[in-house]
Amino acid sequence: MVSKVLLGCWAFVDVWLLAAGVLSLIMSLVWKAPNLMINFTMDASELTAGTALGIMLLITFAISIFAIVQRNHVTGGLVLLNWVLIADSIAVIVIGTYIWFSTLQERNHYFGVWQSTTPDVRIQIQEKFQCCGYFLQNDTVEFTGFCANKTFVDTLVNATDPDQFRCVRPITAFTDPMLNNIFSTIYGFMAILICLFLASICIINKRMEAERFKRIDTKRGGGRAFV
């Protein structure tokens, strides 16, 4: 017989699985809304991956409910759940590592984003942070607004601090903590998946043990219980 404590622990972790799925799905959808810096930081593929991960976790939660309500002698649902949890773990590792890897060369990564984005986005970032260009005063700078003309931009030079007046500093100051929080949260989902995997194994073993003793009692003529 599966103890109430074990079932309670399993249910507690399963609720966290639901929360992880909802968080991943909602944040991925919310961040698709127009927002200058979030849209600059997260590209469409990363947001799609977050949406897919959220859907996977919610499907896993649905499978877990189906698995746990089965009769004691039916463990196939829990076995299926554990295989799905393994697939979820692989997805978490892949997505989390992809985002983590982008932080290793963050300045160069967002230089590529800066170059490939539209002039309107570059203008908005320059106005927001009062900066001109990315690394240098002439690397894809938009001469308008704060960066009114080349003569003015050329005066914004600090030989001892090349990043001053350049957009690389405020951009990475925004993107770095955001990316760190994202991949740390995604990696944190692994703790939920591992705990639920282990709890499911324990329940499977307890159910199989109870069923084995039940068969022993039947063979003994249904008298006093074996245990």
C-alpha atoms as a PDB file:
ATOM      1  CA  MET A   1       0.000   0.000   0.000  1.00  0.00           C
ATOM      2  CA  VAL A   2       1.371   3.395  -0.989  1.00  0.00           C
ATOM      3  CA  SER A   3       1.710   5.614   2.061  1.00  0.00           C
ATOM      4  CA  LYS A   4      -0.105   8.942   2.265  1.00  0.00           C
ATOM      5  CA  VAL A   5       3.205  10.676   2.899  1.00  0.00           C
ATOM      6  CA  LEU A   6       4.658   9.366  -0.369  1.00  0.00           C
ATOM      7  CA  LEU A   7       1.514  10.306  -2.283  1.00  0.00           C
ATOM      8  CA  GLY A   8       1.579  13.728  -0.659  1.00  0.00           C
ATOM      9  CA  CYS A   9       5.188  14.304  -1.714  1.00  0.00           C
ATOM     10  CA  TRP A  10       4.382  13.155  -5.239  1.00  0.00           C
ATOM     11  CA  ALA A  11       1.364  15.484  -5.422  1.00  0.00           C
ATOM     12  CA  PHE A  12       3.413  18.419  -4.075  1.00  0.00           C
ATOM     13  CA  VAL A  13       6.059  18.012  -6.773  1.00  0.00           C
ATOM     14  CA  ASP A  14       3.388  17.473  -9.425  1.00  0.00           C
ATOM     15  CA  VAL A  15       1.822  20.821  -8.558  1.00  0.00           C
ATOM     16  CA  TRP A  16       5.246  22.419  -9.052  1.00  0.00           C
ATOM     17  CA  LEU A  17       5.382  20.748 -12.457  1.00  0.00           C
ATOM     18  CA  LEU A  18       2.077  22.430 -13.313  1.00  0.00           C
ATOM     19  CA  ALA A  19       3.439  25.771 -12.097  1.00  0.00           C
ATOM     20  CA  ALA A  20       6.587  25.358 -14.199  1.00  0.00           C
ATOM     21  CA  GLY A  21       4.531  24.650 -17.307  1.00  0.00           C
ATOM     22  CA  VAL A  22       2.247  27.626 -16.725  1.00  0.00           C
ATOM     23  CA  LEU A  23       5.202  29.938 -16.030  1.00  0.00           C
ATOM     24  CA  SER A  24       7.076  28.880 -19.158  1.00  0.00           C
ATOM     25  CA  LEU A  25       4.017  29.189 -21.372  1.00  0.00           C
ATOM     26  CA  ILE A  26       2.747  32.516 -20.001  1.00  0.00           C
ATOM     27  CA  MET A  27       6.140  34.266 -19.999  1.00  0.00           C
ATOM     28  CA  SER A  28       6.881  33.118 -23.552  1.00  0.00           C
ATOM     29  CA  LEU A  29       3.535  34.495 -24.731  1.00  0.00           C
ATOM     30  CA  VAL A  30       3.791  37.731 -22.730  1.00  0.00           C
ATOM     31  CA  TRP A  31       7.297  38.456 -24.046  1.00  0.00           C
ATOM     32  CA  LYS A  32       6.006  38.258 -27.618  1.00  0.00           C
ATOM     33  CA  ALA A  33       4.110  41.493 -26.983  1.00  0.00           C
ATOM     34  CA  PRO A  34       5.726  44.705 -28.295  1.00  0.00           C
ATOM     35  CA  ASN A  35       8.504  45.707 -25.898  1.00  0.00           C
ATOM     36  CA  LEU A  36      11.685  47.375 -27.117  1.00  0.00           C
ATOM     37  CA  MET A  37      14.315  45.695 -24.939  1.00  0.00           C
ATOM     38  CA  ILE A  38      12.624  42.330 -24.376  1.00  0.00           C
ATOM     39  CA  ASN A  39      12.045  41.928 -28.114  1.00  0.00           C
ATOM     40  CA  PHE A  40      15.684  42.894 -28.691  1.00  0.00           C
ATOM     41  CA  THR A  41      16.892  40.391 -26.085  1.00  0.00           C
ATOM     42  CA  MET A  42      14.733  37.376 -26.987  1.00  0.00           C
ATOM     43  CA  ASP A  43      14.343  36.294 -30.592  1.00  0.00           C
ATOM     44  CA  ALA A  44      11.368  34.419 -32.020  1.00  0.00           C
ATOM     45  CA  SER A  45      13.071  31.008 -31.863  1.00  0.00           C
ATOM     46  CA  GLU A  46      13.802  31.342 -28.137  1.00  0.00           C
ATOM     47  CA  LEU A  47      10.235  32.387 -27.372  1.00  0.00           C
ATOM     48  CA  THR A  48       8.893  29.523 -29.485  1.00  0.00           C
ATOM     49  CA  ALA A  49      11.138  27.107 -27.580  1.00  0.00           C
ATOM     50  CA  GLY A  50       9.783  28.482 -24.293  1.00  0.00           C
ATOM     51  CA  THR A  51       6.215  28.029 -25.512  1.00  0.00           C
ATOM     52  CA  ALA A  52       6.936  24.463 -26.625  1.00  0.00           C
ATOM     53  CA  LEU A  53       8.550  23.673 -23.269  1.00  0.00           C
ATOM     54  CA  GLY A  54       5.528  25.030 -21.400  1.00  0.00           C
ATOM     55  CA  ILE A  55       3.169  22.916 -23.497  1.00  0.00           C
ATOM     56  CA  MET A  56       5.337  19.828 -22.917  1.00  0.00           C
ATOM     57  CA  LEU A  57       5.256  20.324 -19.149  1.00  0.00           C
ATOM     58  CA  LEU A  58       1.488  20.839 -19.126  1.00  0.00           C
ATOM     59  CA  ILE A  59       0.974  17.681 -21.196  1.00  0.00           C
ATOM     60  CA  THR A  60       3.232  15.863 -18.738  1.00  0.00           C
ATOM     61  CA  PHE A  61       1.063  17.106 -15.874  1.00  0.00           C
ATOM     62  CA  ALA A  62      -2.050  15.763 -17.613  1.00  0.00           C
ATOM     63  CA  ILE A  63      -0.333  12.394 -18.103  1.00  0.00           C
ATOM     64  CA  SER A  64       0.670  12.371 -14.424  1.00  0.00           C
ATOM     65  CA  ILE A  65      -2.940  12.801 -13.305  1.00  0.00           C
ATOM     66  CA  PHE A  66      -4.045   9.978 -15.580  1.00  0.00           C
ATOM     67  CA  ALA A  67      -1.208   7.772 -14.282  1.00  0.00           C
ATOM     68  CA  ILE A  68      -1.739   8.316 -10.559  1.00  0.00           C
ATOM     69  CA  VAL A  69      -5.500   7.615 -10.543  1.00  0.00           C
ATOM     70  CA  GLN A  70      -5.053   4.156 -12.077  1.00  0.00           C
ATOM     71  CA  ARG A  71      -5.706   1.110  -9.911  1.00  0.00           C
ATOM     72  CA  ASN A  72      -2.761  -0.186  -7.904  1.00  0.00           C
ATOM     73  CA  HIS A  73      -1.990  -3.089 -10.214  1.00  0.00           C
ATOM     74  CA  VAL A  74      -1.789  -0.753 -13.230  1.00  0.00           C
ATOM     75  CA  THR A  75       1.669   0.846 -13.331  1.00  0.00           C
ATOM     76  CA  GLY A  76       1.939   1.405 -17.086  1.00  0.00           C
ATOM     77  CA  GLY A  77       0.786   5.006 -16.749  1.00  0.00           C
ATOM     78  CA  LEU A  78       3.520   5.835 -14.250  1.00  0.00           C
ATOM     79  CA  VAL A  79       6.114   4.113 -16.428  1.00  0.00           C
ATOM     80  CA  LEU A  80       4.939   6.224 -19.375  1.00  0.00           C
ATOM     81  CA  LEU A  81       5.116   9.309 -17.162  1.00  0.00           C
ATOM     82  CA  ASN A  82       8.759   8.620 -16.340  1.00  0.00           C
ATOM     83  CA  TRP A  83       9.657   8.254 -20.014  1.00  0.00           C
ATOM     84  CA  VAL A  84       7.934  11.585 -20.701  1.00  0.00           C
ATOM     85  CA  LEU A  85       9.851  13.144 -17.798  1.00  0.00           C
ATOM     86  CA  ILE A  86      13.095  11.990 -19.414  1.00  0.00           C
ATOM     87  CA  ALA A  87      12.045  13.679 -22.677  1.00  0.00           C
ATOM     88  CA  ASP A  88      11.182  16.850 -20.727  1.00  0.00           C
ATOM     89  CA  SER A  89      14.604  16.769 -19.062  1.00  0.00           C
ATOM     90  CA  ILE A  90      16.345  16.597 -22.423  1.00  0.00           C
ATOM     91  CA  ALA A  91      14.304  19.580 -23.648  1.00  0.00           C
ATOM     92  CA  VAL A  92      15.144  21.556 -20.494  1.00  0.00           C
ATOM     93  CA  ILE A  93      18.866  20.857 -20.868  1.00  0.00           C
ATOM     94  CA  VAL A  94      18.887  21.784 -24.561  1.00  0.00           C
ATOM     95  CA  ILE A  95      16.912  25.032 -24.166  1.00  0.00           C
ATOM     96  CA  GLY A  96      18.672  26.099 -20.960  1.00  0.00           C
ATOM     97  CA  THR A  97      22.114  25.411 -22.429  1.00  0.00           C
ATOM     98  CA  TYR A  98      21.275  27.281 -25.632  1.00  0.00           C
ATOM     99  CA  ILE A  99      20.370  30.405 -23.664  1.00  0.00           C
ATOM    100  CA  TRP A 100      23.337  29.975 -21.305  1.00  0.00           C
ATOM    101  CA  PHE A 101      25.711  29.643 -24.268  1.00  0.00           C
ATOM    102  CA  SER A 102      24.551  33.004 -25.647  1.00  0.00           C
ATOM    103  CA  THR A 103      25.712  34.680 -22.410  1.00  0.00           C
ATOM    104  CA  LEU A 104      29.301  33.494 -22.913  1.00  0.00           C
ATOM    105  CA  GLN A 105      29.875  35.955 -25.766  1.00  0.00           C
ATOM    106  CA  GLU A 106      27.059  38.309 -24.974  1.00  0.00           C
ATOM    107  CA  ARG A 107      28.654  41.506 -26.269  1.00  0.00           C
ATOM    108  CA  ASN A 108      29.437  39.982 -29.668  1.00  0.00           C
ATOM    109  CA  HIS A 109      26.107  38.167 -29.817  1.00  0.00           C
ATOM    110  CA  TYR A 110      24.098  41.352 -29.412  1.00  0.00           C
ATOM    111  CA  PHE A 111      26.376  43.200 -31.816  1.00  0.00           C
ATOM    112  CA  GLY A 112      25.035  40.785 -34.436  1.00  0.00           C
ATOM    113  CA  VAL A 113      21.489  41.473 -33.238  1.00  0.00           C
ATOM    114  CA  TRP A 114      22.206  45.231 -33.359  1.00  0.00           C
ATOM    115  CA  GLN A 115      23.428  44.988 -36.945  1.00  0.00           C
ATOM    116  CA  SER A 116      20.520  42.844 -38.126  1.00  0.00           C
ATOM    117  CA  THR A 117      17.722  44.795 -36.456  1.00  0.00           C
ATOM    118  CA  THR A 118      15.853  47.646 -38.115  1.00  0.00           C
ATOM    119  CA  PRO A 119      17.067  51.259 -38.097  1.00  0.00           C
ATOM    120  CA  ASP A 120      13.921  52.208 -36.153  1.00  0.00           C
ATOM    121  CA  VAL A 121      14.855  49.846 -33.310  1.00  0.00           C
ATOM    122  CA  ARG A 122      18.420  51.209 -33.236  1.00  0.00           C
ATOM    123  CA  ILE A 123      17.049  54.753 -33.075  1.00  0.00           C
ATOM    124  CA  GLN A 124      14.742  53.857 -30.180  1.00  0.00           C
ATOM    125  CA  ILE A 125      17.601  52.233 -28.236  1.00  0.00           C
ATOM    126  CA  GLN A 126      19.881  55.198 -28.868  1.00  0.00           C
ATOM    127  CA  GLU A 127      17.196  57.562 -27.607  1.00  0.00           C
ATOM    128  CA  LYS A 128      16.384  55.371 -24.596  1.00  0.00           C
ATOM    129  CA  PHE A 129      19.973  55.087 -23.383  1.00  0.00           C
ATOM    130  CA  GLN A 130      21.434  58.271 -24.892  1.00  0.00           C
ATOM    131  CA  CYS A 131      24.124  56.289 -26.686  1.00  0.00           C
ATOM    132  CA  CYS A 132      25.450  56.190 -30.236  1.00  0.00           C
ATOM    133  CA  GLY A 133      26.616  53.100 -32.097  1.00  0.00           C
ATOM    134  CA  TYR A 134      27.395  49.766 -30.474  1.00  0.00           C
ATOM    135  CA  PHE A 135      31.165  49.384 -29.978  1.00  0.00           C
ATOM    136  CA  LEU A 136      32.278  52.458 -31.924  1.00  0.00           C
ATOM    137  CA  GLN A 137      30.792  55.773 -32.892  1.00  0.00           C
ATOM    138  CA  ASN A 138      30.545  54.634 -36.512  1.00  0.00           C
ATOM    139  CA  ASP A 139      29.305  51.001 -36.289  1.00  0.00           C
ATOM    140  CA  THR A 140      25.734  51.150 -37.565  1.00  0.00           C
ATOM    141  CA  VAL A 141      24.909  54.364 -35.755  1.00  0.00           C
ATOM    142  CA  GLU A 142      21.698  56.114 -36.755  1.00  0.00           C
ATOM    143  CA  PHE A 143      22.274  59.837 -37.174  1.00  0.00           C
ATOM    144  CA  THR A 144      19.072  61.268 -35.770  1.00  0.00           C
ATOM    145  CA  GLY A 145      17.632  62.408 -32.435  1.00  0.00           C
ATOM    146  CA  PHE A 146      20.271  62.240 -29.691  1.00  0.00           C
ATOM    147  CA  CYS A 147      22.876  61.146 -32.240  1.00  0.00           C
ATOM    148  CA  ALA A 148      22.004  64.104 -34.436  1.00  0.00           C
ATOM    149  CA  ASN A 149      25.000  64.042 -36.784  1.00  0.00           C
ATOM    150  CA  LYS A 150      28.457  62.585 -37.298  1.00  0.00           C
ATOM    151  CA  THR A 151      30.190  65.672 -35.920  1.00  0.00           C
ATOM    152  CA  PHE A 152      28.362  65.359 -32.601  1.00  0.00           C
ATOM    153  CA  VAL A 153      28.848  61.592 -32.426  1.00  0.00           C
ATOM    154  CA  ASP A 154      32.598  61.968 -33.048  1.00  0.00           C
ATOM    155  CA  THR A 155      32.843  64.158 -29.952  1.00  0.00           C
ATOM    156  CA  LEU A 156      31.471  61.361 -27.766  1.00  0.00           C
ATOM    157  CA  VAL A 157      34.785  59.628 -27.280  1.00  0.00           C
ATOM    158  CA  ASN A 158      36.441  58.652 -24.015  1.00  0.00           C
ATOM    159  CA  ALA A 159      39.882  57.151 -24.609  1.00  0.00           C
ATOM    160  CA  THR A 160      40.013  55.638 -21.112  1.00  0.00           C
ATOM    161  CA  ASP A 161      36.512  54.158 -21.312  1.00  0.00           C
ATOM    162  CA  PRO A 162      35.624  53.153 -24.897  1.00  0.00           C
ATOM    163  CA  ASP A 163      32.205  51.833 -23.852  1.00  0.00           C
ATOM    164  CA  GLN A 164      31.071  55.209 -22.566  1.00  0.00           C
ATOM    165  CA  PHE A 165      28.455  56.705 -24.866  1.00  0.00           C
ATOM    166  CA  ARG A 166      28.172  53.357 -26.709  1.00  0.00           C
ATOM    167  CA  CYS A 167      25.044  51.219 -26.637  1.00  0.00           C
ATOM    168  CA  VAL A 168      26.914  48.002 -25.793  1.00  0.00           C
ATOM    169  CA  ARG A 169      27.035  48.922 -22.106  1.00  0.00           C
ATOM    170  CA  PRO A 170      23.324  49.640 -21.411  1.00  0.00           C
ATOM    171  CA  ILE A 171      22.213  46.832 -23.737  1.00  0.00           C
ATOM    172  CA  THR A 172      24.271  44.156 -21.981  1.00  0.00           C
ATOM    173  CA  ALA A 173      23.364  45.649 -18.586  1.00  0.00           C
ATOM    174  CA  PHE A 174      19.747  44.812 -19.473  1.00  0.00           C
ATOM    175  CA  THR A 175      20.239  41.516 -21.294  1.00  0.00           C
ATOM    176  CA  ASP A 176      22.729  39.883 -18.899  1.00  0.00           C
ATOM    177  CA  PRO A 177      20.511  39.615 -15.773  1.00  0.00           C
ATOM    178  CA  MET A 178      17.487  38.725 -17.889  1.00  0.00           C
ATOM    179  CA  LEU A 179      19.267  35.855 -19.642  1.00  0.00           C
ATOM    180  CA  ASN A 180      20.842  34.662 -16.390  1.00  0.00           C
ATOM    181  CA  ASN A 181      17.437  34.548 -14.705  1.00  0.00           C
ATOM    182  CA  ILE A 182      15.903  32.721 -17.663  1.00  0.00           C
ATOM    183  CA  PHE A 183      18.423  29.900 -17.976  1.00  0.00           C
ATOM    184  CA  SER A 184      18.684  29.561 -14.176  1.00  0.00           C
ATOM    185  CA  THR A 185      14.895  29.158 -13.969  1.00  0.00           C
ATOM    186  CA  ILE A 186      14.864  26.639 -16.822  1.00  0.00           C
ATOM    187  CA  TYR A 187      17.651  24.621 -15.200  1.00  0.00           C
ATOM    188  CA  GLY A 188      15.644  24.824 -11.971  1.00  0.00           C
ATOM    189  CA  PHE A 189      12.869  22.881 -13.709  1.00  0.00           C
ATOM    190  CA  MET A 190      15.266  19.912 -13.656  1.00  0.00           C
ATOM    191  CA  ALA A 191      14.869  19.625  -9.872  1.00  0.00           C
ATOM    192  CA  ILE A 192      11.100  19.267 -10.321  1.00  0.00           C
ATOM    193  CA  LEU A 193      11.461  16.671 -13.065  1.00  0.00           C
ATOM    194  CA  ILE A 194      14.026  14.623 -11.132  1.00  0.00           C
ATOM    195  CA  CYS A 195      11.984  14.675  -7.905  1.00  0.00           C
ATOM    196  CA  LEU A 196       8.808  13.627  -9.726  1.00  0.00           C
ATOM    197  CA  PHE A 197      10.728  10.892 -11.555  1.00  0.00           C
ATOM    198  CA  LEU A 198      12.068   9.490  -8.285  1.00  0.00           C
ATOM    199  CA  ALA A 199       8.708   9.780  -6.514  1.00  0.00           C
ATOM    200  CA  SER A 200       7.021   7.951  -9.398  1.00  0.00           C
ATOM    201  CA  ILE A 201       9.571   5.143  -9.176  1.00  0.00           C
ATOM    202  CA  CYS A 202       8.857   4.803  -5.451  1.00  0.00           C
ATOM    203  CA  ILE A 203       5.100   4.610  -6.081  1.00  0.00           C
ATOM    204  CA  ILE A 204       5.610   2.033  -8.840  1.00  0.00           C
ATOM    205  CA  ASN A 205       7.688  -0.124  -6.503  1.00  0.00           C
ATOM    206  CA  LYS A 206       5.166   0.180  -3.675  1.00  0.00           C
ATOM    207  CA  ARG A 207       2.265  -0.720  -5.963  1.00  0.00           C
ATOM    208  CA  MET A 208       4.145  -3.696  -7.379  1.00  0.00           C
ATOM    209  CA  GLU A 209       5.034  -4.805  -3.848  1.00  0.00           C
ATOM    210  CA  ALA A 210       1.420  -4.533  -2.700  1.00  0.00           C
ATOM    211  CA  GLU A 211       0.229  -6.468  -5.743  1.00  0.00           C
ATOM    212  CA  ARG A 212       2.833  -9.184  -5.154  1.00  0.00           C
ATOM    213  CA  PHE A 213       1.715  -9.642  -1.550  1.00  0.00           C
ATOM    214  CA  LYS A 214      -1.896  -9.704  -2.714  1.00  0.00           C
ATOM    215  CA  ARG A 215      -1.114 -12.592  -5.068  1.00  0.00           C
ATOM    216  CA  ILE A 216       0.723 -14.410  -2.270  1.00  0.00           C
ATOM    217  CA  ASP A 217      -2.334 -14.010  -0.014  1.00  0.00           C
ATOM    218  CA  THR A 218      -4.539 -15.384  -2.800  1.00  0.00           C
ATOM    219  CA  LYS A 219      -2.317 -18.423  -3.219  1.00  0.00           C
ATOM    220  CA  ARG A 220      -2.423 -19.020   0.546  1.00  0.00           C
ATOM    221  CA  GLY A 221      -6.190 -19.288   0.409  1.00  0.00           C
ATOM    222  CA  GLY A 222      -7.138 -15.705   1.291  1.00  0.00           C
ATOM    223  CA  GLY A 223      -6.640 -16.186   4.992  1.00  0.00           C
ATOM    224  CA  ARG A 224      -4.678 -13.904   7.262  1.00  0.00           C
ATOM    225  CA  ALA A 225      -2.779 -11.306   5.251  1.00  0.00           C
ATOM    226  CA  PHE A 226       0.843 -12.141   4.481  1.00  0.00           C
ATOM    227  CA  VAL A 227       1.931  -8.723   5.764  1.00  0.00           C
END
